[in-house]
Amino acid sequence: MSSDLALSVRGLSKEYRIAHLSQRHDKVTEAAMAAMKNFFRPQEYETFRALDDVSFDVKQGDVVGVVGRNGAGKSTLLKILSRITEPTTGEIRLYGKVGSLLEVGTGFHPDLTGRENIYLNGSILGMRKRDIDRQFDAIVDFAEVERFLDTPVKRYSSGMHVRLAFAVAAHLNPEILIVDEVLAVGDTQFQNKCLGKMRDVSTQDGKTVLFVSHNMAVVKSLCNKGLLLTNGRLAFQGSVQEVLDEYAKRVPMVSQVAYKSPIGLRLLELTVNGVETSVSTVDFLDPVEIELVLEANEPTPSCVPLFRWHDANGLKLSDIWGPEEVVDFQRYEGRFSFRLTLDSMNLLPGRYFIDFYLYDARNELFSAPQCVELEVVPVVLPGAPRAYPSVHEGSHGLLRLASRLTTRSEVALLPRGAVSPTPEDAALAKE
């Protein structure tokens, strides 16, 4: 076995027995009679396989994003790796101490104070009291719960639970840190703080992180490797970009039920940057191309397209209407398409949605609300010292105007830390 492994999983499966409930009854007497009849009848069960023959290795220092649709088995995998539940079959080898944050309040006793739960949770994670003492102040400072340290945690909000739980898991020196989507409960500022801590844990301390999230922008910016789960099976693994690209290919277009058309128009294809998907990621300031292919069984009325952009809160950002571009009113028949091209994605990093509509002079002929979900990923511009922040931080507004920022001074600027020459030194330099 390679010495640089953090964990190894072989043939991992997890099965659950699901009981088939009998018919519901509105009256107590009917329920009692049914219970008497079922007492002599064997209970029927169905076997559900949450994980099915999953095998993979994770190297030390890797930050692995685990992605997949709801019900794919992501949380079950993390619970097994955290030893919260046992696998049905398979083998797991962990080469180091594990710290995990899976559900709000996991490992906390509601009647104990925050202070007492730090020591309780640390002990569960295998830490000695002197180790917890050494990290105690850092945990409290990170969680920002000093005022409520001696308050029973049953009076904490869900956000306070998460802050304290993450602080404990991240500061008790685990070699492997496992984090589920639970971070979404916290406020945006604390989420960014946690993501920064996970980056530090992996890059500076060389620790291993497994991270489950539906936020593809965060997965792309934080992780270097990825696992894609589909129906309990490991469908794909590789670099984080390869995994996200594969995930985008497998995400079906929004259900046709979401589309409305009084004249029988159908959406045949939807592609983002050449990939048939309704969910995609794009780097900040990179080009974007969205194409919709529709079909009309009979000629449409004279109509025009409309693309509407809005953020995750429903705030409308922009309407792109045909007559204001190069597409005026006209009729369509058979297969036809509309392609929207942006030379530069100037919306700040964050999650956005795009609606598509077709209108004639008075009516809506076709609507596909939120047919595209787009994650804009932060990048560092060439030569810049830092990346543009996420739109959720609110400090930069919603978009970056197309601009060029330069500086000029009549006096030569000195490098940071340099000392300005004296007049005597300047005179000698001229000689």
Protein backbone atom coordinates (compact mmCIF):
# COMPACT_ATOMS: atom_id res chain seq x y z
CA MET A 1 0.00 0.00 0.00
CA SER A 2 1.40 3.41 -0.98
CA SER A 3 2.72 5.45 1.94
CA ASP A 4 1.19 8.68 0.60
CA LEU A 5 -2.42 7.45 0.92
CA ALA A 6 -4.83 9.21 3.28
CA LEU A 7 -7.64 6.70 2.80
CA SER A 8 -8.47 3.68 0.68
CA VAL A 9 -11.96 2.34 -0.10
CA ARG A 10 -12.59 -1.07 -1.67
CA GLY A 11 -15.93 -2.61 -2.67
CA LEU A 12 -17.95 -0.37 -0.34
CA SER A 13 -21.71 -1.04 -0.26
CA LYS A 14 -24.49 0.03 2.08
CA GLU A 15 -27.98 -1.48 2.11
CA TYR A 16 -31.08 -0.39 4.00
CA ARG A 17 -34.30 -2.33 4.59
CA ILE A 18 -37.39 -0.29 3.79
CA ALA A 19 -40.66 -1.52 5.29
CA HIS A 20 -43.79 -1.31 3.16
CA LEU A 21 -46.41 0.34 5.31
CA SER A 22 -49.94 -0.92 5.27
CA GLN A 23 -52.87 1.25 4.20
CA ARG A 24 -53.48 4.36 6.28
CA HIS A 25 -56.67 4.51 8.34
CA ASP A 26 -58.64 7.53 9.47
CA LYS A 27 -60.29 5.84 12.45
CA VAL A 28 -58.66 4.32 15.53
CA THR A 29 -60.88 1.24 15.34
CA GLU A 30 -59.87 0.59 11.72
CA ALA A 31 -56.19 0.98 12.59
CA ALA A 32 -56.56 -1.41 15.55
CA MET A 33 -58.28 -4.06 13.42
CA ALA A 34 -55.61 -3.75 10.73
CA ALA A 35 -52.86 -4.11 13.35
CA MET A 36 -54.47 -7.32 14.64
CA LYS A 37 -54.61 -8.75 11.11
CA ASN A 38 -51.00 -7.75 10.33
CA PHE A 39 -49.77 -9.31 13.60
CA PHE A 40 -50.01 -12.76 12.01
CA ARG A 41 -48.78 -11.59 8.60
CA PRO A 42 -45.01 -11.24 7.93
CA GLN A 43 -43.81 -7.68 7.33
CA GLU A 44 -42.77 -6.97 3.74
CA TYR A 45 -39.44 -5.22 3.19
CA GLU A 46 -37.60 -3.80 0.23
CA THR A 47 -33.80 -3.59 0.07
CA PHE A 48 -32.41 -0.22 -0.97
CA ARG A 49 -28.73 0.02 -1.89
CA ALA A 50 -27.46 3.53 -1.04
CA LEU A 51 -23.88 2.65 -2.07
CA ASP A 52 -22.98 -0.06 -4.57
CA ASP A 53 -19.41 -1.43 -4.88
CA VAL A 54 -17.57 1.89 -4.52
CA SER A 55 -13.74 1.84 -4.68
CA PHE A 56 -11.26 4.74 -4.73
CA ASP A 57 -8.07 6.08 -3.12
CA VAL A 58 -7.34 9.57 -1.79
CA LYS A 59 -3.78 10.79 -1.36
CA GLN A 60 -2.52 12.90 1.52
CA GLY A 61 -3.06 16.62 0.95
CA ASP A 62 -5.77 16.16 -1.69
CA VAL A 63 -8.94 18.23 -1.43
CA VAL A 64 -11.65 16.03 -2.93
CA GLY A 65 -15.05 17.36 -3.99
CA VAL A 66 -17.80 14.71 -3.86
CA VAL A 67 -20.60 15.70 -6.24
CA GLY A 68 -23.80 14.15 -7.52
CA ARG A 69 -27.54 14.65 -7.53
CA ASN A 70 -29.70 14.30 -4.42
CA GLY A 71 -29.88 10.65 -3.42
CA ALA A 72 -26.63 9.73 -5.17
CA GLY A 73 -25.09 8.43 -1.93
CA LYS A 74 -22.76 11.32 -1.04
CA SER A 75 -23.84 11.76 2.59
CA THR A 76 -23.97 8.00 3.14
CA LEU A 77 -20.37 7.73 1.96
CA LEU A 78 -19.21 10.44 4.36
CA LYS A 79 -21.09 8.89 7.28
CA ILE A 80 -19.36 5.57 6.68
CA LEU A 81 -15.95 7.24 6.37
CA SER A 82 -16.67 9.10 9.63
CA ARG A 83 -17.60 5.78 11.30
CA ILE A 84 -21.08 7.02 12.13
CA THR A 85 -22.61 4.05 10.34
CA GLU A 86 -21.20 0.67 9.31
CA PRO A 87 -20.97 -0.51 5.70
CA THR A 88 -22.84 -3.61 4.59
CA THR A 89 -19.82 -4.87 2.66
CA GLY A 90 -16.42 -3.53 1.72
CA GLU A 91 -13.24 -2.29 3.35
CA ILE A 92 -12.08 1.16 4.44
CA ARG A 93 -8.55 2.02 5.50
CA LEU A 94 -7.96 5.41 7.11
CA TYR A 95 -4.37 6.56 7.54
CA GLY A 96 -4.86 9.29 10.12
CA LYS A 97 -7.25 10.88 12.57
CA VAL A 98 -10.62 11.93 11.13
CA GLY A 99 -12.55 15.10 11.95
CA SER A 100 -16.04 15.40 10.48
CA LEU A 101 -18.88 17.89 10.20
CA LEU A 102 -21.92 16.19 8.71
CA GLU A 103 -25.11 17.41 10.38
CA VAL A 104 -25.96 20.35 12.62
CA GLY A 105 -25.31 19.39 16.23
CA THR A 106 -23.80 15.96 15.52
CA GLY A 107 -21.82 14.90 18.60
CA PHE A 108 -23.21 17.73 20.76
CA HIS A 109 -25.26 17.21 23.91
CA PRO A 110 -28.08 19.79 23.98
CA ASP A 111 -28.04 20.22 27.77
CA LEU A 112 -24.30 20.85 27.98
CA THR A 113 -22.78 24.29 27.46
CA GLY A 114 -20.69 25.28 24.48
CA ARG A 115 -17.56 24.99 26.63
CA GLU A 116 -18.47 21.47 27.80
CA ASN A 117 -19.36 20.38 24.27
CA ILE A 118 -15.96 21.47 22.96
CA TYR A 119 -14.34 19.01 25.35
CA LEU A 120 -16.99 16.33 24.67
CA ASN A 121 -16.67 16.63 20.90
CA GLY A 122 -12.90 16.73 21.10
CA SER A 123 -12.89 13.54 23.16
CA ILE A 124 -15.16 11.84 20.61
CA LEU A 125 -12.64 12.80 17.93
CA GLY A 126 -9.91 11.14 19.98
CA MET A 127 -8.19 14.23 21.44
CA ARG A 128 -6.65 14.37 24.90
CA LYS A 129 -7.67 17.07 27.33
CA ARG A 130 -4.30 18.83 27.15
CA ASP A 131 -4.60 19.00 23.34
CA ILE A 132 -8.07 20.53 23.62
CA ASP A 133 -6.77 23.00 26.24
CA ARG A 134 -4.07 24.12 23.80
CA GLN A 135 -6.59 24.76 20.99
CA PHE A 136 -9.47 26.01 23.13
CA ASP A 137 -8.97 29.76 22.65
CA ALA A 138 -8.50 29.36 18.89
CA ILE A 139 -11.72 27.33 18.66
CA VAL A 140 -13.76 29.91 20.56
CA ASP A 141 -12.26 32.80 18.57
CA PHE A 142 -12.99 31.11 15.23
CA ALA A 143 -16.56 30.17 16.19
CA GLU A 144 -17.32 33.70 17.51
CA VAL A 145 -19.46 32.32 20.35
CA GLU A 146 -17.52 33.64 23.35
CA ARG A 147 -20.60 35.42 24.80
CA PHE A 148 -22.57 32.17 24.75
CA LEU A 149 -19.80 29.81 25.80
CA ASP A 150 -21.48 28.88 29.08
CA THR A 151 -25.00 28.64 27.57
CA PRO A 152 -26.52 25.20 26.84
CA VAL A 153 -26.23 24.53 23.13
CA LYS A 154 -29.95 23.66 22.92
CA ARG A 155 -30.44 27.45 22.98
CA TYR A 156 -28.04 27.96 20.06
CA SER A 157 -29.32 28.75 16.59
CA SER A 158 -28.50 26.33 13.78
CA GLY A 159 -25.86 28.77 12.55
CA MET A 160 -24.17 28.87 15.98
CA HIS A 161 -24.22 25.05 16.07
CA VAL A 162 -22.40 24.93 12.74
CA ARG A 163 -19.86 27.56 13.72
CA LEU A 164 -18.90 25.77 16.92
CA ALA A 165 -18.93 22.29 15.33
CA PHE A 166 -16.74 23.35 12.41
CA ALA A 167 -14.33 25.18 14.71
CA VAL A 168 -13.89 22.06 16.84
CA ALA A 169 -13.45 19.73 13.84
CA ALA A 170 -10.95 22.03 12.09
CA HIS A 171 -8.80 22.92 15.11
CA LEU A 172 -8.33 19.52 16.70
CA ASN A 173 -5.62 18.60 14.20
CA PRO A 174 -7.33 15.85 12.15
CA GLU A 175 -5.27 14.37 9.33
CA ILE A 176 -8.53 13.94 7.36
CA LEU A 177 -11.31 16.54 7.48
CA ILE A 178 -14.76 15.49 6.19
CA VAL A 179 -17.34 18.23 5.58
CA ASP A 180 -20.88 17.86 4.22
CA GLU A 181 -23.17 20.56 2.76
CA VAL A 182 -23.97 21.62 6.35
CA LEU A 183 -21.87 24.78 5.82
CA ALA A 184 -24.77 26.17 3.79
CA VAL A 185 -26.59 26.76 7.11
CA GLY A 186 -24.11 29.46 8.16
CA ASP A 187 -24.08 33.05 6.97
CA THR A 188 -22.04 34.00 3.91
CA GLN A 189 -19.23 35.61 5.89
CA PHE A 190 -18.75 32.49 8.01
CA GLN A 191 -18.96 30.20 4.96
CA ASN A 192 -16.07 32.11 3.40
CA LYS A 193 -14.19 31.85 6.70
CA CYS A 194 -14.68 28.07 6.74
CA LEU A 195 -13.60 27.71 3.12
CA GLY A 196 -10.49 29.72 3.88
CA LYS A 197 -9.75 27.45 6.85
CA MET A 198 -10.13 24.35 4.68
CA ARG A 199 -7.71 25.81 2.14
CA ASP A 200 -5.22 26.48 4.93
CA VAL A 201 -5.66 22.97 6.34
CA SER A 202 -4.87 21.41 2.95
CA THR A 203 -2.24 23.75 1.50
CA GLN A 204 -0.32 24.81 4.61
CA ASP A 205 -0.77 21.81 6.88
CA GLY A 206 -0.89 19.15 4.14
CA LYS A 207 -4.09 17.63 5.52
CA THR A 208 -6.72 15.82 3.44
CA VAL A 209 -10.25 17.21 2.92
CA LEU A 210 -13.38 15.50 1.58
CA PHE A 211 -16.06 18.06 0.77
CA VAL A 212 -19.67 17.52 -0.37
CA SER A 213 -21.45 20.48 -1.93
CA HIS A 214 -23.99 21.36 -4.62
CA ASN A 215 -22.21 24.69 -5.15
CA MET A 216 -20.04 23.90 -8.16
CA ALA A 217 -18.17 27.22 -7.98
CA VAL A 218 -17.00 26.46 -4.44
CA VAL A 219 -16.04 22.90 -5.37
CA LYS A 220 -14.00 24.15 -8.32
CA SER A 221 -12.20 26.86 -6.34
CA LEU A 222 -11.47 24.68 -3.29
CA CYS A 223 -10.78 21.16 -4.62
CA ASN A 224 -8.11 19.64 -6.83
CA LYS A 225 -9.71 16.18 -7.21
CA GLY A 226 -13.30 15.01 -7.57
CA LEU A 227 -15.63 12.02 -7.22
CA LEU A 228 -18.95 11.79 -9.08
CA LEU A 229 -21.60 9.51 -7.55
CA THR A 230 -24.67 8.37 -9.48
CA ASN A 231 -27.33 6.11 -7.92
CA GLY A 232 -24.88 4.88 -5.30
CA ARG A 233 -22.11 4.05 -7.77
CA LEU A 234 -18.83 5.83 -8.44
CA ALA A 235 -19.50 7.08 -11.97
CA PHE A 236 -16.31 9.10 -12.52
CA GLN A 237 -13.17 10.28 -10.73
CA GLY A 238 -10.29 12.53 -11.72
CA SER A 239 -9.29 16.17 -11.54
CA VAL A 240 -11.98 18.50 -10.23
CA GLN A 241 -12.45 20.10 -13.68
CA GLU A 242 -12.84 16.71 -15.38
CA VAL A 243 -15.40 15.62 -12.77
CA LEU A 244 -17.42 18.84 -13.03
CA ASP A 245 -17.42 18.59 -16.83
CA GLU A 246 -18.65 15.00 -16.62
CA TYR A 247 -21.30 15.98 -14.08
CA ALA A 248 -22.53 18.75 -16.37
CA LYS A 249 -22.90 16.25 -19.23
CA ARG A 250 -24.99 13.93 -17.06
CA VAL A 251 -27.35 16.61 -15.69
CA PRO A 252 -30.55 16.35 -17.72
CA MET A 253 -32.22 19.41 -19.10
CA VAL A 254 -34.96 20.93 -16.96
CA SER A 255 -38.10 18.80 -17.13
CA GLN A 256 -40.34 19.57 -20.06
CA VAL A 257 -43.12 20.14 -17.50
CA ALA A 258 -41.42 23.45 -16.68
CA TYR A 259 -41.85 24.61 -20.27
CA LYS A 260 -45.09 26.22 -21.40
CA SER A 261 -46.20 26.70 -24.97
CA PRO A 262 -49.78 27.25 -26.15
CA ILE A 263 -48.83 26.40 -29.75
CA GLY A 264 -46.97 23.13 -29.21
CA LEU A 265 -43.34 24.30 -29.43
CA ARG A 266 -40.77 21.83 -28.02
CA LEU A 267 -37.26 22.35 -26.68
CA LEU A 268 -35.02 19.70 -28.24
CA GLU A 269 -31.54 20.67 -27.08
CA LEU A 270 -29.93 23.06 -24.60
CA THR A 271 -26.16 23.53 -24.57
CA VAL A 272 -23.83 25.72 -22.53
CA ASN A 273 -20.38 26.22 -24.08
CA GLY A 274 -20.98 23.26 -26.36
CA VAL A 275 -22.04 20.81 -23.62
CA GLU A 276 -25.65 19.61 -23.48
CA THR A 277 -26.62 20.54 -19.95
CA SER A 278 -28.74 22.98 -17.97
CA VAL A 279 -26.16 23.42 -15.18
CA SER A 280 -22.66 24.68 -15.86
CA THR A 281 -19.69 26.60 -14.48
CA VAL A 282 -17.71 29.36 -16.15
CA ASP A 283 -14.64 31.26 -15.03
CA PHE A 284 -15.13 34.96 -14.28
CA LEU A 285 -14.52 37.07 -17.45
CA ASP A 286 -14.46 33.99 -19.72
CA PRO A 287 -16.80 33.85 -22.76
CA VAL A 288 -20.17 32.09 -22.52
CA GLU A 289 -22.33 30.62 -25.27
CA ILE A 290 -25.87 29.35 -24.69
CA GLU A 291 -27.85 27.69 -27.49
CA LEU A 292 -31.43 26.43 -27.52
CA VAL A 293 -32.79 24.24 -30.33
CA LEU A 294 -36.58 24.20 -30.64
CA GLU A 295 -39.08 22.49 -32.94
CA ALA A 296 -42.38 23.78 -34.29
CA ASN A 297 -44.77 21.35 -35.94
CA GLU A 298 -46.52 24.21 -37.74
CA PRO A 299 -45.47 27.77 -38.59
CA THR A 300 -45.32 30.05 -35.57
CA PRO A 301 -46.69 33.57 -35.44
CA SER A 302 -44.11 36.27 -36.05
CA CYS A 303 -42.14 36.30 -32.78
CA VAL A 304 -38.90 37.31 -31.03
CA PRO A 305 -36.71 35.70 -28.32
CA LEU A 306 -35.98 37.08 -24.85
CA PHE A 307 -33.19 35.91 -22.51
CA ARG A 308 -33.65 37.11 -18.92
CA TRP A 309 -30.81 36.94 -16.37
CA HIS A 310 -31.44 36.99 -12.61
CA ASP A 311 -29.54 36.09 -9.46
CA ALA A 312 -30.32 33.38 -6.89
CA ASN A 313 -32.64 35.77 -5.03
CA GLY A 314 -34.77 36.46 -8.11
CA LEU A 315 -33.38 39.96 -8.76
CA LYS A 316 -33.57 40.69 -12.49
CA LEU A 317 -30.16 41.63 -13.83
CA SER A 318 -30.67 42.01 -17.56
CA ASP A 319 -33.08 41.36 -20.43
CA ILE A 320 -31.58 40.53 -23.83
CA TRP A 321 -34.40 41.08 -26.34
CA GLY A 322 -34.20 40.11 -29.99
CA PRO A 323 -35.09 43.45 -31.69
CA GLU A 324 -32.41 45.24 -29.63
CA GLU A 325 -29.81 42.80 -30.94
CA VAL A 326 -29.88 41.32 -34.46
CA VAL A 327 -33.02 39.14 -34.33
CA ASP A 328 -36.29 40.84 -35.28
CA PHE A 329 -39.85 39.48 -35.52
CA GLN A 330 -40.15 36.50 -37.88
CA ARG A 331 -41.92 33.14 -38.30
CA TYR A 332 -40.32 29.76 -37.58
CA GLU A 333 -41.11 26.20 -38.68
CA GLY A 334 -39.42 22.84 -38.10
CA ARG A 335 -36.14 22.95 -36.16
CA PHE A 336 -34.71 26.37 -35.33
CA SER A 337 -32.29 27.70 -32.73
CA PHE A 338 -31.17 30.77 -30.83
CA ARG A 339 -27.57 31.27 -29.74
CA LEU A 340 -26.61 33.84 -27.11
CA THR A 341 -22.89 34.68 -26.95
CA LEU A 342 -21.18 36.76 -24.27
CA ASP A 343 -17.58 37.67 -25.06
CA SER A 344 -16.88 38.14 -21.34
CA MET A 345 -18.79 36.99 -18.23
CA ASN A 346 -18.74 40.25 -16.28
CA LEU A 347 -21.15 39.15 -13.55
CA LEU A 348 -19.19 38.68 -10.34
CA PRO A 349 -18.59 35.12 -9.06
CA GLY A 350 -21.83 33.56 -7.80
CA ARG A 351 -24.91 31.62 -8.95
CA TYR A 352 -27.20 32.92 -11.70
CA PHE A 353 -30.24 31.71 -13.62
CA ILE A 354 -31.40 32.39 -17.18
CA ASP A 355 -35.00 32.33 -18.41
CA PHE A 356 -35.91 31.99 -22.08
CA TYR A 357 -39.14 33.23 -23.72
CA LEU A 358 -40.67 33.63 -27.17
CA TYR A 359 -43.20 36.44 -27.68
CA ASP A 360 -45.37 37.53 -30.56
CA ALA A 361 -46.75 41.07 -30.64
CA ARG A 362 -49.07 40.42 -27.67
CA ASN A 363 -48.66 36.96 -26.18
CA GLU A 364 -46.13 34.58 -24.70
CA LEU A 365 -45.64 31.66 -27.10
CA PHE A 366 -43.03 29.72 -25.15
CA SER A 367 -41.47 29.98 -21.68
CA ALA A 368 -38.59 28.10 -20.04
CA PRO A 369 -37.99 29.70 -16.64
CA GLN A 370 -34.58 28.97 -15.11
CA CYS A 371 -33.63 26.75 -18.02
CA VAL A 372 -29.95 27.47 -17.33
CA GLU A 373 -28.18 27.56 -13.95
CA LEU A 374 -24.72 29.11 -14.19
CA GLU A 375 -21.99 29.19 -11.54
CA VAL A 376 -19.42 31.95 -12.13
CA VAL A 377 -16.10 30.92 -10.57
CA PRO A 378 -13.59 33.40 -9.07
CA VAL A 379 -10.23 33.82 -10.84
CA VAL A 380 -7.14 35.94 -10.30
CA LEU A 381 -6.52 38.29 -13.22
CA PRO A 382 -3.02 38.15 -14.77
CA GLY A 383 -0.63 40.16 -12.63
CA ALA A 384 -3.27 40.90 -9.96
CA PRO A 385 -2.55 40.14 -6.28
CA ARG A 386 -6.01 38.76 -5.50
CA ALA A 387 -9.21 37.40 -7.08
CA TYR A 388 -12.47 39.27 -7.44
CA PRO A 389 -14.76 38.38 -4.50
CA SER A 390 -18.02 36.49 -4.74
CA VAL A 391 -21.15 38.52 -5.46
CA HIS A 392 -22.55 37.20 -2.17
CA GLU A 393 -20.00 39.25 -0.22
CA GLY A 394 -21.76 42.37 -1.47
CA SER A 395 -18.67 44.55 -1.51
CA HIS A 396 -18.36 44.92 -5.29
CA GLY A 397 -21.99 45.04 -6.43
CA LEU A 398 -23.16 42.62 -9.12
CA LEU A 399 -20.84 43.05 -12.06
CA ARG A 400 -17.48 44.33 -13.23
CA LEU A 401 -17.75 46.99 -15.89
CA ALA A 402 -15.51 46.46 -18.91
CA SER A 403 -12.61 48.66 -17.92
CA ARG A 404 -8.86 49.17 -17.81
CA LEU A 405 -7.26 50.52 -14.65
CA THR A 406 -3.76 51.98 -14.87
CA THR A 407 -1.59 54.22 -12.73
CA ARG A 408 0.79 57.06 -13.57
CA SER A 409 2.93 59.32 -11.43
CA GLU A 410 5.35 62.18 -12.09
CA VAL A 411 7.49 60.78 -9.26
CA ALA A 412 9.06 57.36 -9.70
CA LEU A 413 7.29 54.87 -7.46
CA LEU A 414 9.42 52.79 -5.11
CA PRO A 415 8.98 49.07 -4.58
CA ARG A 416 7.29 48.20 -1.30
CA GLY A 417 9.90 48.34 1.51
CA ALA A 418 12.44 50.39 -0.45
CA VAL A 419 14.04 53.53 1.05
CA SER A 420 13.89 56.85 -0.81
CA PRO A 421 17.39 58.13 -1.79
CA THR A 422 18.74 61.29 -0.19
CA PRO A 423 19.44 64.40 -2.33
CA GLU A 424 23.19 63.69 -1.98
CA ASP A 425 22.73 60.12 -3.29
CA ALA A 426 20.66 61.42 -6.22
CA ALA A 427 23.40 63.97 -7.11
CA LEU A 428 26.08 61.29 -7.03
CA ALA A 429 23.92 59.07 -9.25
CA LYS A 430 23.70 61.85 -11.88
CA GLU A 431 27.51 62.19 -11.89
